[in-house]
């Protein structure tokens, strides 16, 4: 079975990063236009991502982990 490098069906962290990205857009809309010292910008981005990660519902991780069997079964069925 060949699996593409970007496979949200088999890599639940892709779903999590999508939610983090959505929260970044919502809570830090100006982040994408930020300019200045590279180290300062990196720190602001790191802090924003950390904050958005902490905003995620902890049940999300259990749900994603629990869905892996179904995800794999669907991939096998469609292959």
N, C-alpha and C. Protein backbone atom coordinates (compact mmCIF):
# COMPACT_ATOMS: atom_id res chain seq x y z
N UNK A 1 0.85 -1.16 0.00
CA UNK A 1 0.00 0.00 0.00
C UNK A 1 0.90 1.23 0.00
N UNK A 2 0.71 2.09 -0.98
CA UNK A 2 1.47 3.33 -1.04
C UNK A 2 0.70 4.44 -0.32
N UNK A 3 1.41 5.14 0.56
CA UNK A 3 0.79 6.20 1.36
C UNK A 3 1.45 7.53 1.00
N UNK A 4 0.67 8.53 0.61
CA UNK A 4 1.26 9.84 0.30
C UNK A 4 1.90 10.48 1.53
N UNK A 5 2.88 11.34 1.28
CA UNK A 5 3.60 11.99 2.38
C UNK A 5 2.65 12.80 3.26
N UNK A 6 1.72 13.52 2.65
CA UNK A 6 0.74 14.29 3.40
C UNK A 6 -0.55 13.48 3.39
N UNK A 7 -0.84 12.84 4.49
CA UNK A 7 -2.00 11.97 4.56
C UNK A 7 -2.76 12.20 5.87
N UNK A 8 -3.67 13.18 5.90
CA UNK A 8 -4.40 13.46 7.13
C UNK A 8 -5.22 12.27 7.62
N UNK A 9 -5.58 11.36 6.71
CA UNK A 9 -6.34 10.19 7.12
C UNK A 9 -5.53 9.27 8.01
N UNK A 10 -4.23 9.19 7.75
CA UNK A 10 -3.38 8.30 8.53
C UNK A 10 -2.47 9.03 9.50
N UNK A 11 -2.49 10.33 9.47
CA UNK A 11 -1.64 11.11 10.34
C UNK A 11 -2.49 12.15 11.06
N UNK A 12 -3.07 11.78 12.19
CA UNK A 12 -3.99 12.68 12.88
C UNK A 12 -3.39 14.02 13.27
N UNK A 13 -2.08 14.11 13.40
CA UNK A 13 -1.48 15.39 13.77
C UNK A 13 -1.79 16.44 12.70
N UNK A 14 -2.02 16.01 11.46
CA UNK A 14 -2.40 16.95 10.41
C UNK A 14 -3.73 17.63 10.76
N UNK A 15 -4.65 16.86 11.34
CA UNK A 15 -5.92 17.43 11.77
C UNK A 15 -5.71 18.43 12.90
N UNK A 16 -4.80 18.10 13.81
CA UNK A 16 -4.52 18.98 14.94
C UNK A 16 -3.89 20.28 14.44
N UNK A 17 -2.91 20.17 13.54
CA UNK A 17 -2.26 21.38 13.02
C UNK A 17 -3.26 22.26 12.28
N UNK A 18 -4.22 21.64 11.62
CA UNK A 18 -5.26 22.42 10.94
C UNK A 18 -6.06 23.25 11.95
N UNK A 19 -6.38 22.65 13.09
CA UNK A 19 -7.13 23.36 14.13
C UNK A 19 -6.28 24.47 14.76
N UNK A 20 -4.99 24.19 14.96
CA UNK A 20 -4.09 25.21 15.50
C UNK A 20 -4.01 26.38 14.52
N UNK A 21 -3.89 26.07 13.24
CA UNK A 21 -3.83 27.13 12.22
C UNK A 21 -5.10 27.98 12.24
N UNK A 22 -6.25 27.33 12.38
CA UNK A 22 -7.51 28.08 12.46
C UNK A 22 -7.52 29.02 13.67
N UNK A 23 -7.02 28.52 14.79
CA UNK A 23 -6.97 29.36 16.00
C UNK A 23 -5.97 30.51 15.82
N UNK A 24 -4.87 30.26 15.13
CA UNK A 24 -3.91 31.33 14.86
C UNK A 24 -4.57 32.44 14.05
N UNK A 25 -5.33 32.06 13.02
CA UNK A 25 -6.04 33.06 12.20
C UNK A 25 -7.02 33.86 13.05
N UNK A 26 -7.71 33.17 13.96
CA UNK A 26 -8.73 33.83 14.77
C UNK A 26 -8.14 34.73 15.85
N UNK A 27 -7.15 34.21 16.58
CA UNK A 27 -6.63 34.92 17.75
C UNK A 27 -5.43 35.83 17.44
N UNK A 28 -4.77 35.58 16.33
CA UNK A 28 -3.57 36.36 15.98
C UNK A 28 -3.61 36.75 14.49
N UNK A 29 -4.62 37.50 14.07
CA UNK A 29 -4.78 37.79 12.64
C UNK A 29 -3.62 38.60 12.05
N UNK A 30 -2.92 39.37 12.85
CA UNK A 30 -1.82 40.18 12.33
C UNK A 30 -0.47 39.46 12.33
N UNK A 31 -0.45 38.27 12.85
CA UNK A 31 0.79 37.51 12.95
C UNK A 31 1.46 37.31 11.59
N UNK A 32 0.68 37.11 10.56
CA UNK A 32 1.21 36.80 9.23
C UNK A 32 1.87 38.02 8.58
N UNK A 33 1.60 39.18 9.10
CA UNK A 33 2.17 40.40 8.54
C UNK A 33 3.29 40.97 9.42
N UNK A 34 3.65 40.24 10.45
CA UNK A 34 4.63 40.72 11.41
C UNK A 34 6.02 40.82 10.77
N UNK A 35 6.69 41.90 11.05
CA UNK A 35 8.05 42.13 10.55
C UNK A 35 8.93 42.52 11.73
N UNK A 36 10.21 42.40 11.55
CA UNK A 36 11.14 42.81 12.60
C UNK A 36 12.27 41.82 12.76
N UNK A 37 12.92 41.91 13.89
CA UNK A 37 14.04 41.02 14.20
C UNK A 37 13.58 39.56 14.12
N UNK A 38 14.33 38.75 13.42
CA UNK A 38 13.96 37.35 13.20
C UNK A 38 13.73 36.61 14.51
N UNK A 39 14.61 36.81 15.48
CA UNK A 39 14.47 36.11 16.75
C UNK A 39 13.23 36.54 17.52
N UNK A 40 12.89 37.80 17.42
CA UNK A 40 11.69 38.31 18.08
C UNK A 40 10.45 37.72 17.40
N UNK A 41 10.44 37.74 16.08
CA UNK A 41 9.30 37.19 15.33
C UNK A 41 9.14 35.70 15.64
N UNK A 42 10.25 34.95 15.65
CA UNK A 42 10.18 33.52 15.98
C UNK A 42 9.59 33.29 17.36
N UNK A 43 9.98 34.10 18.32
CA UNK A 43 9.48 33.95 19.69
C UNK A 43 7.98 34.25 19.76
N UNK A 44 7.55 35.28 19.06
CA UNK A 44 6.12 35.62 19.04
C UNK A 44 5.32 34.49 18.39
N UNK A 45 5.84 33.94 17.30
CA UNK A 45 5.16 32.82 16.62
C UNK A 45 5.12 31.60 17.54
N UNK A 46 6.24 31.31 18.18
CA UNK A 46 6.29 30.17 19.11
C UNK A 46 5.27 30.33 20.23
N UNK A 47 5.20 31.50 20.81
CA UNK A 47 4.25 31.76 21.89
C UNK A 47 2.81 31.64 21.40
N UNK A 48 2.55 32.15 20.20
CA UNK A 48 1.19 32.09 19.65
C UNK A 48 0.78 30.64 19.39
N UNK A 49 1.68 29.85 18.81
CA UNK A 49 1.37 28.44 18.54
C UNK A 49 1.16 27.68 19.84
N UNK A 50 2.01 27.94 20.82
CA UNK A 50 1.86 27.29 22.13
C UNK A 50 0.52 27.63 22.75
N UNK A 51 0.13 28.89 22.69
CA UNK A 51 -1.16 29.30 23.24
C UNK A 51 -2.31 28.62 22.51
N UNK A 52 -2.25 28.59 21.19
CA UNK A 52 -3.32 27.96 20.41
C UNK A 52 -3.39 26.46 20.69
N UNK A 53 -2.24 25.82 20.86
CA UNK A 53 -2.20 24.39 21.20
C UNK A 53 -2.91 24.17 22.54
N UNK A 54 -2.65 25.04 23.50
CA UNK A 54 -3.26 24.91 24.82
C UNK A 54 -4.76 25.17 24.80
N UNK A 55 -5.25 25.86 23.78
CA UNK A 55 -6.68 26.13 23.66
C UNK A 55 -7.45 24.93 23.13
N UNK A 56 -6.75 23.95 22.58
CA UNK A 56 -7.42 22.77 22.01
C UNK A 56 -8.08 21.96 23.12
N UNK A 57 -9.23 21.40 22.79
CA UNK A 57 -9.95 20.52 23.71
C UNK A 57 -9.14 19.22 23.84
N UNK A 58 -8.81 18.84 25.05
CA UNK A 58 -7.99 17.65 25.30
C UNK A 58 -8.68 16.37 24.81
N UNK A 59 -9.99 16.36 24.76
CA UNK A 59 -10.72 15.19 24.25
C UNK A 59 -10.43 14.95 22.77
N UNK A 60 -10.03 15.99 22.08
CA UNK A 60 -9.71 15.87 20.66
C UNK A 60 -8.65 14.80 20.43
N UNK A 61 -7.63 14.77 21.27
CA UNK A 61 -6.54 13.81 21.10
C UNK A 61 -7.01 12.38 21.30
N UNK A 62 -7.87 12.16 22.29
CA UNK A 62 -8.44 10.83 22.51
C UNK A 62 -9.30 10.41 21.32
N UNK A 63 -10.09 11.35 20.83
CA UNK A 63 -10.97 11.05 19.69
C UNK A 63 -10.15 10.69 18.45
N UNK A 64 -9.12 11.47 18.17
CA UNK A 64 -8.28 11.17 17.01
C UNK A 64 -7.56 9.84 17.15
N UNK A 65 -7.01 9.58 18.33
CA UNK A 65 -6.33 8.30 18.55
C UNK A 65 -7.31 7.14 18.42
N UNK A 66 -8.50 7.32 18.96
CA UNK A 66 -9.51 6.27 18.89
C UNK A 66 -10.05 6.02 17.49
N UNK A 67 -9.89 7.00 16.62
CA UNK A 67 -10.40 6.85 15.25
C UNK A 67 -9.42 6.16 14.31
N UNK A 68 -8.22 5.86 14.79
CA UNK A 68 -7.19 5.32 13.90
C UNK A 68 -7.57 3.98 13.27
N UNK A 69 -8.19 3.10 14.04
CA UNK A 69 -8.58 1.80 13.48
C UNK A 69 -9.55 2.01 12.33
N UNK A 70 -10.55 2.86 12.52
CA UNK A 70 -11.51 3.13 11.45
C UNK A 70 -10.83 3.77 10.24
N UNK A 71 -9.90 4.68 10.48
CA UNK A 71 -9.19 5.33 9.38
C UNK A 71 -8.40 4.32 8.56
N UNK A 72 -7.70 3.43 9.24
CA UNK A 72 -6.89 2.41 8.54
C UNK A 72 -7.79 1.46 7.78
N UNK A 73 -8.88 1.05 8.39
CA UNK A 73 -9.83 0.15 7.71
C UNK A 73 -10.36 0.79 6.43
N UNK A 74 -10.69 2.09 6.48
CA UNK A 74 -11.18 2.79 5.29
C UNK A 74 -10.12 2.87 4.19
N UNK A 75 -8.88 3.12 4.57
CA UNK A 75 -7.79 3.18 3.59
C UNK A 75 -7.61 1.82 2.93
N UNK A 76 -7.61 0.76 3.73
CA UNK A 76 -7.44 -0.59 3.19
C UNK A 76 -8.59 -0.93 2.26
N UNK A 77 -9.81 -0.54 2.65
CA UNK A 77 -11.00 -0.84 1.84
C UNK A 77 -10.93 -0.12 0.48
N UNK A 78 -10.42 1.10 0.46
CA UNK A 78 -10.39 1.86 -0.80
C UNK A 78 -9.18 1.55 -1.66
N UNK A 79 -8.19 0.86 -1.10
CA UNK A 79 -6.96 0.57 -1.85
C UNK A 79 -7.14 -0.55 -2.83
